[in-house]
């Protein structure tokens, strides 16, 4: 394998390694076994937390930090990237409305709001952005994007004409939606998401994602009903595929703001030029913390694998552990799937484990 050209595009190992940390560990493992290899490490993400940070080096823009509302309405410093040449802004929902911004006992989708995301969008528009790329994973919210719309000028009111409360609880009282004041009517918006769930129903935002955000079964039932009323009131289908991402944020972005929903992984791959590099390499290494049947549902490593197969390149999947159905990934195009020798959570130990696993893999492949 002398002079081998390898492309490494590994998603984060949640709770252990960022995409770049994992990718660099893979690179060190390859070089330990093949010192003359040419290894390119690319970030990989699906639109969730960490996406903007991972693509920042590939975007010609500046990072702007402002004070916005956090998921519970408290002030927080949040940043986004704006490119004055292309007039594009890149915004990560998790920086203003992310689940990781809250302590576990603070999680409550009745109260959590997307208002801060709207504030980031408004600031970008005020600073000349004509295109917004919004990464909408990792949210703490289930308000259907209502808070975001309010920050952008929508009037969502109850029967008495008062603005509804922040959070999903506000949708309980929603009676009228006046969208005439929205400030982003001529703005191109792309929403980065790999979630295909509808807004409502048993596979919808409330029932599938509500519990991890702190919702009880009763709360999930109530919020599902409120979101359905919200959708009907604004004139849209509550069961449309893909509108349940990020607690219904994708519903508001797509239907009310006219956003295009795109795969977050594809957006990241396009920005980093991954496909061109894969076309010209000898081997591709991708992966994530767990590879199982869910990996095939458009997740980031699956997108990398598809690009590798397109150009006839062997694709190896590295993961912390394999899960049920991982064999289906092998049938779909992965040449090998390799779990870590020592699957651990601690960052320093996980780094060493990735290096050792990859080094052993490439030594045995010589």
Protein backbone atom coordinates (compact mmCIF):
# COMPACT_ATOMS: atom_id res chain seq x y z
CA UNK A 1 0.00 0.00 0.00
CA UNK A 2 2.99 2.24 -0.67
CA UNK A 3 2.09 5.80 -1.68
CA UNK A 4 -1.58 5.20 -0.90
CA UNK A 5 -3.91 8.19 -1.09
CA UNK A 6 -6.58 8.05 1.60
CA UNK A 7 -9.54 10.31 2.33
CA UNK A 8 -10.73 10.28 5.94
CA UNK A 9 -14.21 11.69 6.63
CA UNK A 10 -15.45 10.46 10.00
CA UNK A 11 -18.48 11.79 11.86
CA UNK A 12 -18.15 12.62 15.55
CA UNK A 13 -18.13 9.88 18.16
CA UNK A 14 -20.81 11.48 20.32
CA UNK A 15 -19.54 12.31 23.80
CA UNK A 16 -15.98 11.27 22.94
CA UNK A 17 -14.47 12.77 19.80
CA UNK A 18 -15.35 15.53 17.37
CA UNK A 19 -15.26 14.75 13.68
CA UNK A 20 -11.81 16.28 13.25
CA UNK A 21 -10.42 14.66 16.41
CA UNK A 22 -11.60 11.26 15.20
CA UNK A 23 -10.33 11.93 11.68
CA UNK A 24 -6.88 12.97 12.86
CA UNK A 25 -6.67 9.88 15.05
CA UNK A 26 -7.46 7.75 11.99
CA UNK A 27 -4.75 9.61 10.06
CA UNK A 28 -2.14 8.93 12.75
CA UNK A 29 -3.11 5.27 12.75
CA UNK A 30 -2.71 5.05 8.96
CA UNK A 31 0.67 6.81 9.01
CA UNK A 32 1.93 4.51 11.76
CA UNK A 33 1.32 1.57 9.44
CA UNK A 34 2.01 3.35 6.12
CA UNK A 35 4.41 6.29 6.70
CA UNK A 36 4.41 7.34 3.04
CA UNK A 37 0.62 7.47 2.73
CA UNK A 38 -1.03 10.70 1.59
CA UNK A 39 -3.92 11.21 4.01
CA UNK A 40 -6.53 13.98 3.74
CA UNK A 41 -8.82 14.53 6.73
CA UNK A 42 -12.18 16.18 6.12
CA UNK A 43 -14.85 17.11 8.67
CA UNK A 44 -18.13 15.24 8.49
CA UNK A 45 -21.43 16.24 10.05
CA UNK A 46 -25.14 15.89 9.40
CA UNK A 47 -26.34 19.38 10.32
CA UNK A 48 -26.34 18.84 14.06
CA UNK A 49 -24.19 20.30 16.78
CA UNK A 50 -20.66 21.09 15.65
CA UNK A 51 -21.47 21.38 11.95
CA UNK A 52 -20.59 25.05 11.59
CA UNK A 53 -17.33 24.69 13.49
CA UNK A 54 -16.34 21.75 11.29
CA UNK A 55 -16.93 23.58 8.00
CA UNK A 56 -15.63 26.99 9.12
CA UNK A 57 -12.14 26.47 7.61
CA UNK A 58 -13.73 25.81 4.21
CA UNK A 59 -15.93 28.93 4.17
CA UNK A 60 -14.68 32.38 3.18
CA UNK A 61 -16.34 34.35 5.92
CA UNK A 62 -16.03 35.86 9.37
CA UNK A 63 -17.44 34.58 12.62
CA UNK A 64 -19.89 36.98 14.22
CA UNK A 65 -20.93 36.61 17.86
CA UNK A 66 -24.01 38.26 19.32
CA UNK A 67 -26.19 37.97 22.39
CA UNK A 68 -29.40 36.02 21.80
CA UNK A 69 -31.98 34.08 23.81
CA UNK A 70 -31.06 30.57 24.89
CA UNK A 71 -33.70 27.78 24.90
CA UNK A 72 -35.20 29.17 28.12
CA UNK A 73 -35.03 32.82 27.08
CA UNK A 74 -31.86 33.68 28.98
CA UNK A 75 -29.12 35.73 27.28
CA UNK A 76 -26.33 33.70 25.69
CA UNK A 77 -23.47 34.48 23.33
CA UNK A 78 -23.94 32.65 20.03
CA UNK A 79 -21.94 32.83 16.82
CA UNK A 80 -22.55 32.30 13.13
CA UNK A 81 -20.48 32.71 9.97
CA UNK A 82 -21.21 35.36 7.37
CA UNK A 83 -19.54 35.72 3.98
CA UNK A 84 -19.94 39.25 2.67
CA UNK A 85 -18.81 38.28 -0.85
CA UNK A 86 -21.42 35.58 -1.47
CA UNK A 87 -23.81 37.30 0.95
CA UNK A 88 -24.36 33.96 2.68
CA UNK A 89 -24.67 33.18 6.37
CA UNK A 90 -24.22 29.82 8.06
CA UNK A 91 -26.21 29.34 11.25
CA UNK A 92 -26.27 26.41 13.64
CA UNK A 93 -29.51 26.02 15.57
CA UNK A 94 -27.77 24.21 18.43
CA UNK A 95 -25.75 27.32 19.31
CA UNK A 96 -28.92 29.15 20.37
CA UNK A 97 -31.48 26.40 21.00
CA UNK A 98 -29.35 23.31 21.57
CA UNK A 99 -30.09 20.56 24.06
CA UNK A 100 -26.52 20.72 25.36
CA UNK A 101 -27.11 24.31 26.49
CA UNK A 102 -29.39 23.03 29.24
CA UNK A 103 -28.79 21.05 32.39
CA UNK A 104 -30.70 17.79 32.46
CA UNK A 105 -33.25 19.11 34.97
CA UNK A 106 -33.86 22.18 32.75
CA UNK A 107 -35.09 20.18 29.77
CA UNK A 108 -38.73 21.02 29.16
CA UNK A 109 -40.10 21.39 25.62
CA UNK A 110 -43.20 23.08 27.02
CA UNK A 111 -40.90 26.05 27.73
CA UNK A 112 -37.94 25.83 25.33
CA UNK A 113 -37.99 28.20 22.39
CA UNK A 114 -36.38 28.73 18.99
CA UNK A 115 -36.51 32.52 19.44
CA UNK A 116 -32.72 32.79 19.64
CA UNK A 117 -32.31 31.10 16.26
CA UNK A 118 -34.58 33.74 14.76
CA UNK A 119 -32.40 36.40 16.36
CA UNK A 120 -29.32 34.93 14.67
CA UNK A 121 -31.17 34.89 11.35
CA UNK A 122 -32.33 38.47 11.79
CA UNK A 123 -28.81 39.66 12.59
CA UNK A 124 -27.46 37.94 9.49
CA UNK A 125 -30.14 39.55 7.32
CA UNK A 126 -29.49 42.95 8.92
CA UNK A 127 -25.82 42.47 7.98
CA UNK A 128 -26.57 41.88 4.31
CA UNK A 129 -27.05 38.14 4.05
CA UNK A 130 -29.27 37.12 1.15
CA UNK A 131 -28.85 33.38 1.68
CA UNK A 132 -29.10 31.50 4.97
CA UNK A 133 -27.85 27.96 5.48
CA UNK A 134 -29.35 26.75 8.74
CA UNK A 135 -28.18 23.53 10.40
CA UNK A 136 -31.08 22.38 12.52
CA UNK A 137 -29.96 19.32 14.51
CA UNK A 138 -29.50 18.92 18.24
CA UNK A 139 -32.37 21.14 19.38
CA UNK A 140 -33.93 21.35 22.84
CA UNK A 141 -37.22 22.60 21.38
CA UNK A 142 -40.59 21.40 20.16
CA UNK A 143 -42.28 24.69 19.27
CA UNK A 144 -42.57 24.12 15.53
CA UNK A 145 -40.25 27.06 14.90
CA UNK A 146 -42.83 29.46 16.35
CA UNK A 147 -40.27 31.32 18.44
CA UNK A 148 -38.05 31.78 15.41
CA UNK A 149 -40.97 33.21 13.43
CA UNK A 150 -41.77 35.66 16.23
CA UNK A 151 -38.16 36.89 16.27
CA UNK A 152 -38.45 37.49 12.52
CA UNK A 153 -41.62 39.57 12.80
CA UNK A 154 -44.54 37.12 12.79
CA UNK A 155 -47.46 37.87 15.08
CA UNK A 156 -48.72 34.70 16.74
CA UNK A 157 -51.60 35.58 19.04
CA UNK A 158 -54.29 34.07 21.26
CA UNK A 159 -58.02 34.81 21.19
CA UNK A 160 -57.48 38.08 23.08
CA UNK A 161 -54.87 39.25 20.57
CA UNK A 162 -51.93 38.78 22.94
CA UNK A 163 -48.63 37.28 21.77
CA UNK A 164 -48.49 33.61 22.72
CA UNK A 165 -45.96 32.40 25.26
CA UNK A 166 -42.54 31.04 24.30
CA UNK A 167 -42.16 27.29 23.90
CA UNK A 168 -44.58 24.59 22.81
CA UNK A 169 -46.96 25.66 25.60
CA UNK A 170 -47.62 28.85 23.62
CA UNK A 171 -49.09 26.83 20.76
CA UNK A 172 -51.82 25.68 23.14
CA UNK A 173 -53.31 29.20 22.95
CA UNK A 174 -52.53 29.93 19.29
CA UNK A 175 -55.58 31.41 17.56
CA UNK A 176 -54.20 33.60 14.78
CA UNK A 177 -50.95 33.71 12.80
CA UNK A 178 -50.19 37.00 11.04
CA UNK A 179 -47.13 36.36 8.89
CA UNK A 180 -47.23 39.63 6.96
CA UNK A 181 -44.47 41.18 9.04
CA UNK A 182 -41.83 38.53 8.36
CA UNK A 183 -38.58 40.18 7.31
CA UNK A 184 -37.12 37.32 5.26
CA UNK A 185 -39.48 37.07 2.30
CA UNK A 186 -36.74 37.57 -0.31
CA UNK A 187 -34.09 35.54 1.45
CA UNK A 188 -33.00 32.14 0.09
CA UNK A 189 -32.95 29.62 2.93
CA UNK A 190 -31.51 26.12 3.00
CA UNK A 191 -32.26 23.93 6.00
CA UNK A 192 -29.70 21.22 6.65
CA UNK A 193 -31.31 18.13 8.11
CA UNK A 194 -31.25 14.36 7.66
CA UNK A 195 -34.47 13.75 9.60
CA UNK A 196 -37.46 12.50 7.60
CA UNK A 197 -40.09 12.42 10.37
CA UNK A 198 -43.32 14.39 9.86
CA UNK A 199 -44.38 17.19 12.19
CA UNK A 200 -47.23 15.21 13.76
CA UNK A 201 -48.40 11.67 14.33
CA UNK A 202 -46.79 8.64 16.00
CA UNK A 203 -43.58 9.20 14.01
CA UNK A 204 -43.71 12.96 14.50
CA UNK A 205 -41.53 15.42 16.35
CA UNK A 206 -43.28 15.14 19.72
CA UNK A 207 -43.47 11.38 20.12
CA UNK A 208 -40.10 10.48 18.60
CA UNK A 209 -37.88 13.27 19.92
CA UNK A 210 -39.91 14.80 22.75
CA UNK A 211 -38.82 12.31 25.46
CA UNK A 212 -35.10 13.03 25.01
CA UNK A 213 -35.92 16.73 25.39
CA UNK A 214 -37.66 16.15 28.73
CA UNK A 215 -41.27 15.49 27.69
CA UNK A 216 -43.54 12.98 29.44
CA UNK A 217 -45.93 10.78 27.47
CA UNK A 218 -48.78 13.16 28.34
CA UNK A 219 -46.72 16.13 27.19
CA UNK A 220 -45.95 14.40 23.90
CA UNK A 221 -49.67 13.83 23.30
CA UNK A 222 -50.54 17.44 24.10
CA UNK A 223 -47.75 18.93 22.00
CA UNK A 224 -48.67 16.72 19.04
CA UNK A 225 -52.17 18.15 19.16
CA UNK A 226 -50.95 21.73 19.48
CA UNK A 227 -48.56 21.30 16.55
CA UNK A 228 -51.36 19.86 14.43
CA UNK A 229 -53.53 22.91 15.15
CA UNK A 230 -50.56 25.16 14.34
CA UNK A 231 -50.05 23.44 10.98
CA UNK A 232 -53.74 23.57 10.04
CA UNK A 233 -54.02 27.20 11.16
CA UNK A 234 -51.12 28.19 8.89
CA UNK A 235 -52.52 26.12 6.01
CA UNK A 236 -50.09 23.20 5.79
CA UNK A 237 -50.07 19.43 6.10
CA UNK A 238 -49.04 18.29 9.61
CA UNK A 239 -48.02 14.87 8.27
CA UNK A 240 -45.65 15.96 5.51
CA UNK A 241 -42.40 14.01 5.49
CA UNK A 242 -39.34 15.87 6.81
CA UNK A 243 -41.19 18.63 8.65
CA UNK A 244 -40.63 17.17 12.12
CA UNK A 245 -36.89 17.85 12.28
CA UNK A 246 -35.70 19.83 15.32
CA UNK A 247 -39.09 19.89 17.01
CA UNK A 248 -40.80 21.11 13.86
CA UNK A 249 -38.25 23.79 12.99
CA UNK A 250 -38.12 22.30 9.49
CA UNK A 251 -41.91 22.78 9.23
CA UNK A 252 -41.63 26.52 9.76
CA UNK A 253 -38.54 26.89 7.60
CA UNK A 254 -39.92 24.93 4.65
CA UNK A 255 -43.58 25.84 4.65
CA UNK A 256 -43.65 29.34 6.08
CA UNK A 257 -40.26 30.69 5.00
CA UNK A 258 -39.97 28.69 1.76
CA UNK A 259 -36.72 26.96 2.68
CA UNK A 260 -35.27 24.07 0.74
CA UNK A 261 -34.64 21.01 2.92
CA UNK A 262 -31.30 19.40 2.11
CA UNK A 263 -29.22 16.62 3.57
CA UNK A 264 -26.88 18.12 6.14
CA UNK A 265 -24.22 15.56 5.24
CA UNK A 266 -24.45 16.51 1.56
CA UNK A 267 -24.07 20.19 2.37
CA UNK A 268 -20.93 19.48 4.39
CA UNK A 269 -19.52 17.24 1.65
CA UNK A 270 -20.21 19.89 -0.99
CA UNK A 271 -18.52 22.62 1.05
CA UNK A 272 -15.42 20.50 1.75
CA UNK A 273 -15.11 19.18 -1.81
CA UNK A 274 -15.27 15.63 -0.50
CA UNK A 275 -16.54 14.00 -3.69
CA UNK A 276 -13.67 15.33 -5.84
CA UNK A 277 -11.13 14.11 -3.29
CA UNK A 278 -12.81 10.70 -3.05
CA UNK A 279 -12.77 10.37 -6.83
CA UNK A 280 -8.99 10.81 -6.87
CA UNK A 281 -8.03 8.66 -3.86
CA UNK A 282 -7.27 4.97 -3.34
CA UNK A 283 -9.25 4.28 -0.18
CA UNK A 284 -11.92 6.00 1.92
CA UNK A 285 -12.34 5.78 5.70
CA UNK A 286 -15.54 7.00 7.28
CA UNK A 287 -17.54 6.12 10.38
CA UNK A 288 -19.25 7.25 13.55
CA UNK A 289 -19.69 6.18 17.16
CA UNK A 290 -22.12 3.39 16.24
CA UNK A 291 -22.74 1.74 12.92
CA UNK A 292 -26.01 -0.15 12.60
CA UNK A 293 -29.06 -0.36 10.36
CA UNK A 294 -29.83 3.32 11.09
CA UNK A 295 -26.59 4.31 9.33
CA UNK A 296 -28.31 3.49 6.04
CA UNK A 297 -31.01 6.13 6.63
CA UNK A 298 -29.04 8.86 4.92
CA UNK A 299 -26.59 9.40 7.79
CA UNK A 300 -23.28 11.09 7.05
CA UNK A 301 -21.08 7.94 6.79
CA UNK A 302 -23.61 6.43 4.39
CA UNK A 303 -23.32 9.48 2.14
CA UNK A 304 -19.52 9.11 2.12
CA UNK A 305 -19.83 5.41 1.36
CA UNK A 306 -22.12 6.16 -1.59
CA UNK A 307 -19.56 8.58 -3.02
CA UNK A 308 -16.83 5.96 -2.63
CA UNK A 309 -18.89 3.29 -4.36
CA UNK A 310 -19.73 5.74 -7.15
CA UNK A 311 -16.04 6.00 -8.01
CA UNK A 312 -15.17 2.38 -7.29
CA UNK A 313 -13.19 3.07 -4.11
CA UNK A 314 -13.09 0.69 -1.14
CA UNK A 315 -14.80 2.28 1.86
CA UNK A 316 -13.98 1.23 5.42
CA UNK A 317 -16.29 2.12 8.29
CA UNK A 318 -14.69 2.74 11.71
CA UNK A 319 -16.97 2.82 14.73
CA UNK A 320 -16.99 2.65 18.50
CA UNK A 321 -19.39 -0.28 18.37
CA UNK A 322 -21.55 -2.07 15.86
CA UNK A 323 -25.27 -2.36 16.43
CA UNK A 324 -28.16 -4.42 15.18
CA UNK A 325 -28.29 -4.64 11.41
CA UNK A 326 -24.74 -3.47 10.75
CA UNK A 327 -24.38 -6.38 8.31
CA UNK A 328 -26.80 -4.51 6.04
CA UNK A 329 -24.16 -1.79 5.72
CA UNK A 330 -21.70 -4.33 4.33
CA UNK A 331 -24.27 -5.46 1.78
CA UNK A 332 -24.90 -1.83 0.82
CA UNK A 333 -21.31 -1.04 -0.09
CA UNK A 334 -18.93 -0.85 2.88
CA UNK A 335 -15.86 -3.01 2.21
CA UNK A 336 -15.24 -3.47 5.94
CA UNK A 337 -16.74 -2.29 9.20
CA UNK A 338 -14.24 -2.20 12.04
CA UNK A 339 -15.26 -1.55 15.67
CA UNK A 340 -12.66 -0.12 18.03
CA UNK A 341 -10.40 -2.54 19.89
CA UNK A 342 -11.19 -0.69 23.12
CA UNK A 343 -14.51 1.21 22.87
CA UNK A 344 -14.32 3.93 25.54
CA UNK A 345 -15.93 7.35 26.11
CA UNK A 346 -13.03 9.32 27.57
CA UNK A 347 -11.57 11.50 24.81
CA UNK A 348 -7.89 10.72 25.38
CA UNK A 349 -8.48 6.98 25.59
CA UNK A 350 -10.86 7.01 22.63
CA UNK A 351 -8.20 8.79 20.56
CA UNK A 352 -5.62 6.11 21.38
CA UNK A 353 -8.14 3.36 20.65
CA UNK A 354 -8.92 4.79 17.20
CA UNK A 355 -5.21 5.09 16.39
CA UNK A 356 -4.46 1.53 17.51
CA UNK A 357 -7.47 0.07 15.71
CA UNK A 358 -6.58 1.76 12.41
CA UNK A 359 -2.87 1.00 12.73
CA UNK A 360 -3.64 -2.71 13.23
CA UNK A 361 -6.10 -2.64 10.31
CA UNK A 362 -3.58 -1.18 7.89
CA UNK A 363 -0.70 -3.35 9.09
CA UNK A 364 -2.83 -6.43 8.47
CA UNK A 365 -3.83 -5.06 5.07
CA UNK A 366 -0.28 -4.74 3.78
